[in-house]
Amino acid sequence: MQVPLEITFRNLGRSEAIEAAARERALELERFVPEIVSCRVTIEAPHRRKRKGKLYRVLVDVRVPGAVIVAGRDPAKNHSHEDVYVAMRDSFDAARRQLEDWIRIARGRVKTREGPPHGTIEVLFPERDSGRITTPEGRSIYFHRNSVVNTDFDDLRVGDEVRFNEEDGDEGPQASTVYLVARRSA
């Protein structure tokens, strides 16, 4: 880390054992992601006057190039956080998961989801209840009147933009469903 680890205690006294556990967890994060610029850990006991059932909250603020990752759990939702070490484990685990996501994005390993294929109506054969779609790659896809979903086949015009789901047909690729996206300008 370029900036030394900061550990803050709120509503509870400083504990060397808790601080050592936080340092070890932060060191594990740094071994996992050497690009970490800084890490701040805040350990708090929000209910200062309670004697029983004190729920701890641990916030982990990690800064990496181009991102700030803040992780912590709401103690009211998890009664296992009566143990400060459990609260710390959960928060650091959440920070690690966010760092894993950051690494995937930073290294370009994010899966991109493509929408359904699209194209334009190339030709219509009303007498045969069919037509053909041309894709941007230049492929020609057959479709039948029954494949048209959000409009009537008779309302389609050559040049209309459509999206479709493709499958293999008897005579090559065909559209199983065709959705009208935009009308061709008249």
N, C-alpha and C. Protein backbone atom coordinates (compact mmCIF):
# COMPACT_ATOMS: atom_id res chain seq x y z
N MET A 1 0.84 -1.18 0.00
CA MET A 1 0.00 0.00 0.00
C MET A 1 0.88 1.24 0.00
N GLN A 2 0.44 2.21 -0.77
CA GLN A 2 1.20 3.45 -0.84
C GLN A 2 0.97 4.30 0.41
N VAL A 3 -0.24 4.21 0.96
CA VAL A 3 -0.59 4.95 2.17
C VAL A 3 -0.72 3.92 3.30
N PRO A 4 -0.12 4.16 4.46
CA PRO A 4 -0.20 3.18 5.56
C PRO A 4 -1.65 2.90 5.97
N LEU A 5 -1.88 1.70 6.44
CA LEU A 5 -3.19 1.26 6.91
C LEU A 5 -3.64 2.15 8.07
N GLU A 6 -4.91 2.58 8.01
CA GLU A 6 -5.52 3.37 9.08
C GLU A 6 -6.57 2.52 9.77
N ILE A 7 -6.51 2.42 11.08
CA ILE A 7 -7.53 1.70 11.84
C ILE A 7 -8.10 2.66 12.87
N THR A 8 -9.43 2.80 12.85
CA THR A 8 -10.12 3.71 13.75
C THR A 8 -11.10 2.92 14.61
N PHE A 9 -11.13 3.22 15.90
CA PHE A 9 -12.10 2.62 16.82
C PHE A 9 -13.10 3.68 17.22
N ARG A 10 -14.39 3.34 17.17
CA ARG A 10 -15.45 4.27 17.58
C ARG A 10 -16.31 3.59 18.63
N ASN A 11 -16.57 4.32 19.71
CA ASN A 11 -17.42 3.85 20.81
C ASN A 11 -16.89 2.59 21.49
N LEU A 12 -15.60 2.32 21.34
CA LEU A 12 -14.96 1.24 22.09
C LEU A 12 -13.48 1.56 22.17
N GLY A 13 -12.86 1.05 23.21
CA GLY A 13 -11.44 1.31 23.42
C GLY A 13 -10.58 0.56 22.43
N ARG A 14 -9.39 1.11 22.18
CA ARG A 14 -8.45 0.48 21.25
C ARG A 14 -8.00 -0.85 21.83
N SER A 15 -7.96 -1.88 20.99
CA SER A 15 -7.55 -3.21 21.40
C SER A 15 -6.44 -3.67 20.46
N GLU A 16 -5.33 -4.08 21.03
CA GLU A 16 -4.21 -4.53 20.19
C GLU A 16 -4.57 -5.82 19.46
N ALA A 17 -5.33 -6.70 20.08
CA ALA A 17 -5.72 -7.96 19.44
C ALA A 17 -6.62 -7.69 18.23
N ILE A 18 -7.61 -6.81 18.39
CA ILE A 18 -8.50 -6.47 17.29
C ILE A 18 -7.72 -5.77 16.19
N GLU A 19 -6.84 -4.86 16.57
CA GLU A 19 -6.03 -4.14 15.60
C GLU A 19 -5.12 -5.11 14.82
N ALA A 20 -4.54 -6.08 15.50
CA ALA A 20 -3.68 -7.07 14.84
C ALA A 20 -4.48 -7.91 13.84
N ALA A 21 -5.71 -8.27 14.21
CA ALA A 21 -6.57 -9.04 13.31
C ALA A 21 -6.92 -8.21 12.07
N ALA A 22 -7.19 -6.92 12.27
CA ALA A 22 -7.50 -6.05 11.13
C ALA A 22 -6.28 -5.89 10.22
N ARG A 23 -5.10 -5.75 10.82
CA ARG A 23 -3.87 -5.64 10.02
C ARG A 23 -3.64 -6.90 9.19
N GLU A 24 -3.87 -8.06 9.79
CA GLU A 24 -3.69 -9.33 9.07
C GLU A 24 -4.67 -9.44 7.90
N ARG A 25 -5.92 -9.05 8.13
CA ARG A 25 -6.93 -9.09 7.06
C ARG A 25 -6.55 -8.12 5.93
N ALA A 26 -6.09 -6.93 6.28
CA ALA A 26 -5.68 -5.95 5.27
C ALA A 26 -4.47 -6.46 4.49
N LEU A 27 -3.56 -7.13 5.16
CA LEU A 27 -2.39 -7.70 4.50
C LEU A 27 -2.81 -8.78 3.50
N GLU A 28 -3.80 -9.59 3.86
CA GLU A 28 -4.34 -10.60 2.94
C GLU A 28 -4.91 -9.95 1.69
N LEU A 29 -5.64 -8.83 1.89
CA LEU A 29 -6.19 -8.11 0.72
C LEU A 29 -5.06 -7.59 -0.17
N GLU A 30 -4.00 -7.08 0.46
CA GLU A 30 -2.89 -6.53 -0.31
C GLU A 30 -2.15 -7.63 -1.07
N ARG A 31 -2.03 -8.82 -0.47
CA ARG A 31 -1.42 -9.94 -1.19
C ARG A 31 -2.28 -10.33 -2.39
N PHE A 32 -3.57 -10.25 -2.23
CA PHE A 32 -4.51 -10.61 -3.28
C PHE A 32 -4.50 -9.56 -4.39
N VAL A 33 -4.48 -8.28 -4.02
CA VAL A 33 -4.50 -7.17 -4.99
C VAL A 33 -3.36 -6.20 -4.64
N PRO A 34 -2.19 -6.37 -5.24
CA PRO A 34 -1.06 -5.50 -4.93
C PRO A 34 -1.27 -4.03 -5.32
N GLU A 35 -2.28 -3.77 -6.18
CA GLU A 35 -2.53 -2.41 -6.65
C GLU A 35 -3.21 -1.52 -5.61
N ILE A 36 -3.52 -2.03 -4.43
CA ILE A 36 -4.22 -1.24 -3.41
C ILE A 36 -3.38 -0.03 -3.05
N VAL A 37 -4.01 1.14 -3.11
CA VAL A 37 -3.34 2.39 -2.78
C VAL A 37 -3.44 2.66 -1.28
N SER A 38 -4.64 2.50 -0.72
CA SER A 38 -4.82 2.74 0.71
C SER A 38 -5.97 1.89 1.23
N CYS A 39 -5.96 1.71 2.55
CA CYS A 39 -7.02 0.95 3.20
C CYS A 39 -7.29 1.58 4.56
N ARG A 40 -8.56 1.86 4.82
CA ARG A 40 -8.98 2.37 6.13
C ARG A 40 -10.00 1.42 6.70
N VAL A 41 -9.84 1.09 7.97
CA VAL A 41 -10.76 0.19 8.65
C VAL A 41 -11.34 0.95 9.85
N THR A 42 -12.67 0.96 9.93
CA THR A 42 -13.36 1.58 11.06
C THR A 42 -14.11 0.49 11.80
N ILE A 43 -13.81 0.37 13.08
CA ILE A 43 -14.47 -0.64 13.93
C ILE A 43 -15.28 0.12 14.96
N GLU A 44 -16.59 -0.15 14.97
CA GLU A 44 -17.43 0.61 15.90
C GLU A 44 -18.45 -0.28 16.58
N ALA A 45 -18.80 0.16 17.78
CA ALA A 45 -19.88 -0.46 18.54
C ALA A 45 -20.95 0.61 18.64
N PRO A 46 -21.96 0.58 17.79
CA PRO A 46 -22.94 1.66 17.72
C PRO A 46 -23.76 1.87 18.99
N HIS A 47 -23.99 0.84 19.78
CA HIS A 47 -24.82 0.96 20.98
C HIS A 47 -23.91 1.09 22.19
N ARG A 48 -23.57 2.31 22.50
CA ARG A 48 -22.56 2.58 23.51
C ARG A 48 -23.00 2.18 24.92
N ARG A 49 -24.27 2.35 25.26
CA ARG A 49 -24.70 2.13 26.64
C ARG A 49 -25.20 0.71 26.91
N LYS A 50 -25.38 -0.09 25.88
CA LYS A 50 -25.87 -1.44 26.07
C LYS A 50 -24.80 -2.32 26.70
N ARG A 51 -25.22 -3.19 27.59
CA ARG A 51 -24.28 -4.12 28.20
C ARG A 51 -24.33 -5.49 27.53
N LYS A 52 -25.50 -5.86 27.03
CA LYS A 52 -25.66 -7.14 26.35
C LYS A 52 -26.09 -6.90 24.91
N GLY A 53 -25.72 -7.81 24.04
CA GLY A 53 -26.16 -7.73 22.66
C GLY A 53 -25.53 -6.61 21.86
N LYS A 54 -24.32 -6.19 22.22
CA LYS A 54 -23.63 -5.13 21.49
C LYS A 54 -23.25 -5.67 20.11
N LEU A 55 -23.74 -5.02 19.07
CA LEU A 55 -23.45 -5.45 17.70
C LEU A 55 -22.38 -4.54 17.11
N TYR A 56 -21.31 -5.15 16.63
CA TYR A 56 -20.19 -4.40 16.07
C TYR A 56 -20.39 -4.17 14.59
N ARG A 57 -19.84 -3.09 14.13
CA ARG A 57 -19.87 -2.76 12.71
C ARG A 57 -18.44 -2.48 12.28
N VAL A 58 -18.03 -3.11 11.19
CA VAL A 58 -16.69 -2.90 10.65
C VAL A 58 -16.83 -2.41 9.22
N LEU A 59 -16.27 -1.26 8.93
CA LEU A 59 -16.27 -0.69 7.57
C LEU A 59 -14.86 -0.78 7.01
N VAL A 60 -14.75 -1.25 5.79
CA VAL A 60 -13.46 -1.35 5.12
C VAL A 60 -13.53 -0.47 3.89
N ASP A 61 -12.64 0.52 3.81
CA ASP A 61 -12.58 1.47 2.71
C ASP A 61 -11.25 1.23 2.00
N VAL A 62 -11.31 0.67 0.79
CA VAL A 62 -10.10 0.34 0.02
C VAL A 62 -10.08 1.20 -1.23
N ARG A 63 -8.94 1.79 -1.51
CA ARG A 63 -8.78 2.60 -2.72
C ARG A 63 -7.79 1.90 -3.64
N VAL A 64 -8.23 1.72 -4.88
CA VAL A 64 -7.41 1.15 -5.93
C VAL A 64 -7.45 2.12 -7.10
N PRO A 65 -6.52 1.99 -8.06
CA PRO A 65 -6.53 2.92 -9.18
C PRO A 65 -7.90 2.95 -9.89
N GLY A 66 -8.52 4.10 -9.89
CA GLY A 66 -9.79 4.28 -10.58
C GLY A 66 -11.03 3.85 -9.83
N ALA A 67 -10.90 3.42 -8.58
CA ALA A 67 -12.09 2.96 -7.86
C ALA A 67 -11.92 3.09 -6.35
N VAL A 68 -13.04 3.25 -5.68
CA VAL A 68 -13.10 3.23 -4.22
C VAL A 68 -14.07 2.13 -3.84
N ILE A 69 -13.62 1.23 -3.00
CA ILE A 69 -14.44 0.10 -2.58
C ILE A 69 -14.73 0.26 -1.10
N VAL A 70 -16.01 0.29 -0.76
CA VAL A 70 -16.42 0.41 0.63
C VAL A 70 -17.28 -0.80 0.95
N ALA A 71 -16.89 -1.52 1.99
CA ALA A 71 -17.62 -2.72 2.37
C ALA A 71 -17.90 -2.70 3.85
N GLY A 72 -19.05 -3.17 4.22
CA GLY A 72 -19.44 -3.27 5.62
C GLY A 72 -20.81 -3.90 5.69
N ARG A 73 -21.14 -4.39 6.82
CA ARG A 73 -22.43 -5.05 6.99
C ARG A 73 -23.23 -4.30 8.05
N ASP A 74 -24.54 -4.24 7.86
CA ASP A 74 -25.42 -3.62 8.84
C ASP A 74 -25.56 -4.59 10.01
N PRO A 75 -25.08 -4.22 11.20
CA PRO A 75 -25.12 -5.16 12.31
C PRO A 75 -26.53 -5.55 12.75
N ALA A 76 -27.51 -4.69 12.50
CA ALA A 76 -28.87 -5.00 12.93
C ALA A 76 -29.43 -6.20 12.17
N LYS A 77 -28.86 -6.49 11.00
CA LYS A 77 -29.36 -7.59 10.20
C LYS A 77 -28.65 -8.91 10.49
N ASN A 78 -27.60 -8.88 11.29
CA ASN A 78 -26.83 -10.10 11.53
C ASN A 78 -26.38 -10.16 12.98
N HIS A 79 -27.06 -10.97 13.77
CA HIS A 79 -26.75 -11.03 15.19
C HIS A 79 -25.44 -11.75 15.48
N SER A 80 -24.83 -12.37 14.48
CA SER A 80 -23.51 -12.97 14.71
C SER A 80 -22.46 -11.87 14.88
N HIS A 81 -22.84 -10.63 14.59
CA HIS A 81 -21.89 -9.52 14.74
C HIS A 81 -21.77 -9.06 16.19
N GLU A 82 -22.26 -9.85 17.11
CA GLU A 82 -21.98 -9.59 18.52
C GLU A 82 -20.51 -9.91 18.79
N ASP A 83 -19.88 -10.62 17.87
CA ASP A 83 -18.45 -10.93 17.93
C ASP A 83 -17.75 -10.02 16.92
N VAL A 84 -16.86 -9.18 17.39
CA VAL A 84 -16.19 -8.21 16.53
C VAL A 84 -15.38 -8.91 15.44
N TYR A 85 -14.84 -10.09 15.73
CA TYR A 85 -14.04 -10.80 14.75
C TYR A 85 -14.90 -11.35 13.60
N VAL A 86 -16.12 -11.75 13.91
CA VAL A 86 -17.05 -12.20 12.87
C VAL A 86 -17.46 -11.02 12.00
N ALA A 87 -17.74 -9.89 12.61
CA ALA A 87 -18.09 -8.68 11.86
C ALA A 87 -16.93 -8.27 10.95
N MET A 88 -15.71 -8.39 11.46
CA MET A 88 -14.53 -8.04 10.67
C MET A 88 -14.37 -9.01 9.49
N ARG A 89 -14.52 -10.30 9.76
CA ARG A 89 -14.40 -11.30 8.69
C ARG A 89 -15.41 -11.02 7.58
N ASP A 90 -16.66 -10.77 7.96
CA ASP A 90 -17.71 -10.53 6.96
C ASP A 90 -17.41 -9.30 6.12
N SER A 91 -16.95 -8.23 6.75
CA SER A 91 -16.66 -7.00 6.01
C SER A 91 -15.47 -7.16 5.07
N PHE A 92 -14.41 -7.82 5.55
CA PHE A 92 -13.25 -8.03 4.68
C PHE A 92 -13.58 -8.99 3.54
N ASP A 93 -14.43 -9.98 3.80
CA ASP A 93 -14.85 -10.89 2.73
C ASP A 93 -15.65 -10.13 1.67
N ALA A 94 -16.51 -9.22 2.11
CA ALA A 94 -17.28 -8.41 1.16
C ALA A 94 -16.34 -7.51 0.34
N ALA A 95 -15.32 -6.95 1.00
CA ALA A 95 -14.35 -6.12 0.28
C ALA A 95 -13.59 -6.96 -0.75
N ARG A 96 -13.24 -8.17 -0.38
CA ARG A 96 -12.52 -9.05 -1.31
C ARG A 96 -13.38 -9.37 -2.54
N ARG A 97 -14.66 -9.64 -2.32
CA ARG A 97 -15.54 -9.92 -3.46
C ARG A 97 -15.62 -8.71 -4.40
N GLN A 98 -15.70 -7.52 -3.82
CA GLN A 98 -15.74 -6.31 -4.65
C GLN A 98 -14.42 -6.11 -5.39
N LEU A 99 -13.31 -6.44 -4.73
CA LEU A 99 -12.01 -6.35 -5.39
C LEU A 99 -11.90 -7.35 -6.55
N GLU A 100 -12.47 -8.54 -6.36
CA GLU A 100 -12.49 -9.53 -7.45
C GLU A 100 -13.23 -8.97 -8.66
N ASP A 101 -14.36 -8.30 -8.41
CA ASP A 101 -15.11 -7.67 -9.50
C ASP A 101 -14.28 -6.59 -10.17
N TRP A 102 -13.59 -5.78 -9.36
CA TRP A 102 -12.75 -4.70 -9.90
C TRP A 102 -11.64 -5.29 -10.78
N ILE A 103 -11.03 -6.38 -10.33
CA ILE A 103 -9.96 -7.02 -11.11
C ILE A 103 -10.49 -7.49 -12.46
N ARG A 104 -11.68 -8.13 -12.45
CA ARG A 104 -12.25 -8.61 -13.71
C ARG A 104 -12.48 -7.45 -14.68
N ILE A 105 -12.98 -6.35 -14.16
CA ILE A 105 -13.24 -5.19 -15.02
C ILE A 105 -11.92 -4.58 -15.49
N ALA A 106 -10.97 -4.41 -14.58
CA ALA A 106 -9.69 -3.80 -14.92
C ALA A 106 -8.91 -4.62 -15.94
N ARG A 107 -9.05 -5.93 -15.88
CA ARG A 107 -8.31 -6.79 -16.80
C ARG A 107 -9.13 -7.17 -18.03
N GLY A 108 -10.33 -6.60 -18.14
CA GLY A 108 -11.15 -6.84 -19.32
C GLY A 108 -11.74 -8.22 -19.40
N ARG A 109 -11.97 -8.86 -18.28
CA ARG A 109 -12.51 -10.21 -18.28
C ARG A 109 -14.00 -10.24 -17.94
N VAL A 110 -14.68 -9.17 -18.27
CA VAL A 110 -16.10 -9.09 -17.99
C VAL A 110 -16.86 -9.62 -19.19
N LYS A 111 -17.80 -10.49 -18.95
CA LYS A 111 -18.61 -11.02 -20.04
C LYS A 111 -19.59 -9.94 -20.48
N THR A 112 -19.63 -9.71 -21.76
CA THR A 112 -20.60 -8.76 -22.27
C THR A 112 -21.76 -9.54 -22.84
N ARG A 113 -22.91 -9.08 -22.59
CA ARG A 113 -24.09 -9.77 -23.04
C ARG A 113 -24.61 -9.08 -24.29
N GLU A 114 -24.65 -9.83 -25.35
CA GLU A 114 -25.16 -9.27 -26.60
C GLU A 114 -26.66 -9.46 -26.64
N GLY A 115 -27.34 -8.51 -27.25
CA GLY A 115 -28.78 -8.64 -27.42
C GLY A 115 -29.06 -9.58 -28.58
N PRO A 116 -30.32 -9.81 -28.86
CA PRO A 116 -30.65 -10.68 -29.99
C PRO A 116 -30.14 -10.06 -31.29
N PRO A 117 -29.88 -10.89 -32.30
CA PRO A 117 -29.40 -10.36 -33.57
C PRO A 117 -30.42 -9.40 -34.19
N HIS A 118 -29.93 -8.51 -35.03
CA HIS A 118 -30.84 -7.58 -35.68
C HIS A 118 -30.48 -7.45 -37.16
N GLY A 119 -31.36 -6.83 -37.89
CA GLY A 119 -31.15 -6.62 -39.31
C GLY A 119 -32.29 -5.80 -39.88
N THR A 120 -32.37 -5.78 -41.21
CA THR A 120 -33.46 -5.05 -41.87
C THR A 120 -34.18 -6.01 -42.81
N ILE A 121 -35.46 -5.71 -43.03
CA ILE A 121 -36.25 -6.52 -43.95
C ILE A 121 -35.68 -6.31 -45.35
N GLU A 122 -35.23 -7.39 -45.97
CA GLU A 122 -34.63 -7.34 -47.30
C GLU A 122 -35.69 -7.46 -48.39
N VAL A 123 -36.58 -8.43 -48.21
CA VAL A 123 -37.62 -8.67 -49.20
C VAL A 123 -38.80 -9.34 -48.51
N LEU A 124 -40.01 -9.07 -49.03
CA LEU A 124 -41.23 -9.70 -48.50
C LEU A 124 -41.93 -10.46 -49.62
N PHE A 125 -42.44 -11.64 -49.30
CA PHE A 125 -43.20 -12.46 -50.23
C PHE A 125 -44.58 -12.69 -49.64
N PRO A 126 -45.51 -11.72 -49.79
CA PRO A 126 -46.84 -11.87 -49.18
C PRO A 126 -47.59 -13.11 -49.67
N GLU A 127 -47.39 -13.47 -50.95
CA GLU A 127 -48.09 -14.64 -51.48
C GLU A 127 -47.60 -15.95 -50.85
N ARG A 128 -46.36 -15.95 -50.31
CA ARG A 128 -45.80 -17.14 -49.65
C ARG A 128 -45.77 -16.99 -48.13
N ASP A 129 -46.31 -15.87 -47.60
CA ASP A 129 -46.32 -15.59 -46.15
C ASP A 129 -44.92 -15.64 -45.55
N SER A 130 -43.93 -15.10 -46.26
CA SER A 130 -42.56 -15.14 -45.75
C SER A 130 -41.78 -13.92 -46.21
N GLY A 131 -40.55 -13.86 -45.75
CA GLY A 131 -39.66 -12.77 -46.13
C GLY A 131 -38.24 -13.12 -45.76
N ARG A 132 -37.32 -12.16 -46.02
CA ARG A 132 -35.92 -12.37 -45.67
C ARG A 132 -35.39 -11.12 -44.96
N ILE A 133 -34.51 -11.37 -44.00
CA ILE A 133 -33.86 -10.31 -43.22
C ILE A 133 -32.38 -10.30 -43.60
N THR A 134 -31.81 -9.11 -43.78
CA THR A 134 -30.37 -8.98 -44.01
C THR A 134 -29.73 -8.47 -42.72
N THR A 135 -28.68 -9.16 -42.26
CA THR A 135 -27.95 -8.75 -41.05
C THR A 135 -26.86 -7.76 -41.43
N PRO A 136 -26.30 -7.02 -40.46
CA PRO A 136 -25.20 -6.09 -40.76
C PRO A 136 -23.98 -6.80 -41.37
N GLU A 137 -23.84 -8.12 -41.10
CA GLU A 137 -22.72 -8.88 -41.65
C GLU A 137 -23.00 -9.33 -43.08
N GLY A 138 -24.23 -9.09 -43.58
CA GLY A 138 -24.58 -9.45 -44.94
C GLY A 138 -25.25 -10.81 -45.09
N ARG A 139 -25.56 -11.47 -43.98
CA ARG A 139 -26.25 -12.76 -44.05
C ARG A 139 -27.73 -12.54 -44.34
N SER A 140 -28.35 -13.53 -45.00
CA SER A 140 -29.76 -13.47 -45.32
C SER A 140 -30.49 -14.53 -44.50
N ILE A 141 -31.48 -14.10 -43.72
CA ILE A 141 -32.21 -14.98 -42.80
C ILE A 141 -33.68 -15.05 -43.24
N TYR A 142 -34.20 -16.25 -43.42
CA TYR A 142 -35.60 -16.48 -43.78
C TYR A 142 -36.49 -16.30 -42.55
N PHE A 143 -37.72 -15.80 -42.76
CA PHE A 143 -38.72 -15.80 -41.69
C PHE A 143 -40.10 -16.01 -42.28
N HIS A 144 -40.99 -16.57 -41.47
CA HIS A 144 -42.37 -16.85 -41.88
C HIS A 144 -43.30 -15.87 -41.19
N ARG A 145 -44.47 -15.68 -41.75
CA ARG A 145 -45.50 -14.80 -41.18
C ARG A 145 -45.74 -15.10 -39.70
N ASN A 146 -45.77 -16.37 -39.32
CA ASN A 146 -46.05 -16.77 -37.94
C ASN A 146 -44.94 -16.40 -36.96
N SER A 147 -43.77 -16.01 -37.48
CA SER A 147 -42.65 -15.63 -36.62
C SER A 147 -42.74 -14.18 -36.15
N VAL A 148 -43.54 -13.37 -36.81
CA VAL A 148 -43.65 -11.94 -36.48
C VAL A 148 -44.46 -11.80 -35.20
N VAL A 149 -43.89 -11.09 -34.20
CA VAL A 149 -44.49 -11.07 -32.86
C VAL A 149 -45.23 -9.78 -32.53
N ASN A 150 -44.59 -8.64 -32.61
CA ASN A 150 -45.19 -7.42 -32.06
C ASN A 150 -45.90 -6.54 -33.09
N THR A 151 -46.10 -7.04 -34.28
CA THR A 151 -46.85 -6.32 -35.31
C THR A 151 -47.44 -7.36 -36.25
N ASP A 152 -48.19 -6.92 -37.21
CA ASP A 152 -48.78 -7.84 -38.19
C ASP A 152 -47.83 -7.97 -39.38
N PHE A 153 -47.72 -9.14 -39.93
CA PHE A 153 -46.86 -9.39 -41.09
C PHE A 153 -47.18 -8.42 -42.23
N ASP A 154 -48.47 -8.15 -42.44
CA ASP A 154 -48.90 -7.28 -43.54
C ASP A 154 -48.48 -5.83 -43.33
N ASP A 155 -48.13 -5.46 -42.10
CA ASP A 155 -47.68 -4.08 -41.83
C ASP A 155 -46.18 -3.90 -42.04
N LEU A 156 -45.43 -4.98 -42.23
CA LEU A 156 -43.98 -4.87 -42.44
C LEU A 156 -43.68 -4.29 -43.81
N ARG A 157 -42.56 -3.54 -43.90
CA ARG A 157 -42.11 -2.97 -45.17
C ARG A 157 -40.64 -3.27 -45.36
N VAL A 158 -40.21 -3.33 -46.58
CA VAL A 158 -38.78 -3.49 -46.88
C VAL A 158 -38.03 -2.32 -46.26
N GLY A 159 -36.94 -2.61 -45.55
CA GLY A 159 -36.13 -1.57 -44.90
C GLY A 159 -36.42 -1.41 -43.43
N ASP A 160 -37.53 -2.00 -42.93
CA ASP A 160 -37.83 -1.92 -41.49
C ASP A 160 -36.74 -2.64 -40.70
N GLU A 161 -36.35 -2.04 -39.56
CA GLU A 161 -35.35 -2.67 -38.68
C GLU A 161 -36.06 -3.65 -37.75
N VAL A 162 -35.46 -4.86 -37.63
CA VAL A 162 -36.05 -5.90 -36.78
C VAL A 162 -34.97 -6.58 -35.95
N ARG A 163 -35.42 -7.16 -34.84
CA ARG A 163 -34.58 -8.06 -34.03
C ARG A 163 -35.21 -9.43 -34.18
N PHE A 164 -34.38 -10.46 -34.06
CA PHE A 164 -34.92 -11.81 -34.26
C PHE A 164 -34.13 -12.83 -33.46
N ASN A 165 -34.75 -13.97 -33.25
CA ASN A 165 -34.08 -15.13 -32.65
C ASN A 165 -33.87 -16.11 -33.79
N GLU A 166 -32.64 -16.58 -33.92
CA GLU A 166 -32.27 -17.41 -35.06
C GLU A 166 -32.19 -18.88 -34.67
N GLU A 167 -32.56 -19.74 -35.62
CA GLU A 167 -32.42 -21.18 -35.45
C GLU A 167 -32.12 -21.78 -36.82
N ASP A 168 -31.68 -23.04 -36.83
CA ASP A 168 -31.43 -23.72 -38.09
C ASP A 168 -32.73 -24.27 -38.63
N GLY A 169 -33.01 -23.98 -39.88
CA GLY A 169 -34.21 -24.49 -40.54
C GLY A 169 -33.85 -25.53 -41.58
N ASP A 170 -34.85 -26.02 -42.30
CA ASP A 170 -34.64 -27.03 -43.34
C ASP A 170 -33.75 -26.52 -44.46
N GLU A 171 -33.84 -25.23 -44.74
CA GLU A 171 -33.07 -24.67 -45.86
C GLU A 171 -32.08 -23.60 -45.40
N GLY A 172 -31.56 -23.76 -44.19
CA GLY A 172 -30.57 -22.81 -43.68
C GLY A 172 -31.10 -22.03 -42.49
N PRO A 173 -30.43 -20.90 -42.17
CA PRO A 173 -30.84 -20.14 -40.99
C PRO A 173 -32.22 -19.50 -41.18
N GLN A 174 -32.99 -19.53 -40.10
CA GLN A 174 -34.30 -18.88 -40.15
C GLN A 174 -34.58 -18.22 -38.80
N ALA A 175 -35.44 -17.22 -38.83
CA ALA A 175 -35.82 -16.49 -37.62
C ALA A 175 -37.05 -17.17 -37.01
N SER A 176 -36.93 -17.55 -35.74
CA SER A 176 -38.08 -18.17 -35.07
C SER A 176 -39.03 -17.12 -34.54
N THR A 177 -38.50 -15.95 -34.16
CA THR A 177 -39.34 -14.82 -33.76
C THR A 177 -38.74 -13.55 -34.36
N VAL A 178 -39.60 -12.66 -34.80
CA VAL A 178 -39.18 -11.40 -35.42
C VAL A 178 -39.92 -10.27 -34.72
N TYR A 179 -39.15 -9.29 -34.21
CA TYR A 179 -39.70 -8.12 -33.51
C TYR A 179 -39.40 -6.87 -34.32
N LEU A 180 -40.42 -6.10 -34.62
CA LEU A 180 -40.21 -4.83 -35.31
C LEU A 180 -39.59 -3.84 -34.34
N VAL A 181 -38.47 -3.22 -34.73
CA VAL A 181 -37.79 -2.24 -33.88
C VAL A 181 -38.08 -0.83 -34.35
N ALA A 182 -37.88 -0.57 -35.64
CA ALA A 182 -38.09 0.78 -36.18
C ALA A 182 -38.58 0.71 -37.61
N ARG A 183 -39.48 1.63 -37.93
CA ARG A 183 -40.01 1.73 -39.29
C ARG A 183 -38.99 2.43 -40.18
N ARG A 184 -38.97 2.00 -41.43
CA ARG A 184 -38.16 2.68 -42.43
C ARG A 184 -38.80 4.04 -42.70
N SER A 185 -37.98 5.07 -42.86
CA SER A 185 -38.52 6.39 -43.18
C SER A 185 -39.12 6.37 -44.56
N ALA A 186 -40.27 7.01 -44.70
CA ALA A 186 -40.97 7.00 -46.00
C ALA A 186 -40.38 8.00 -46.94
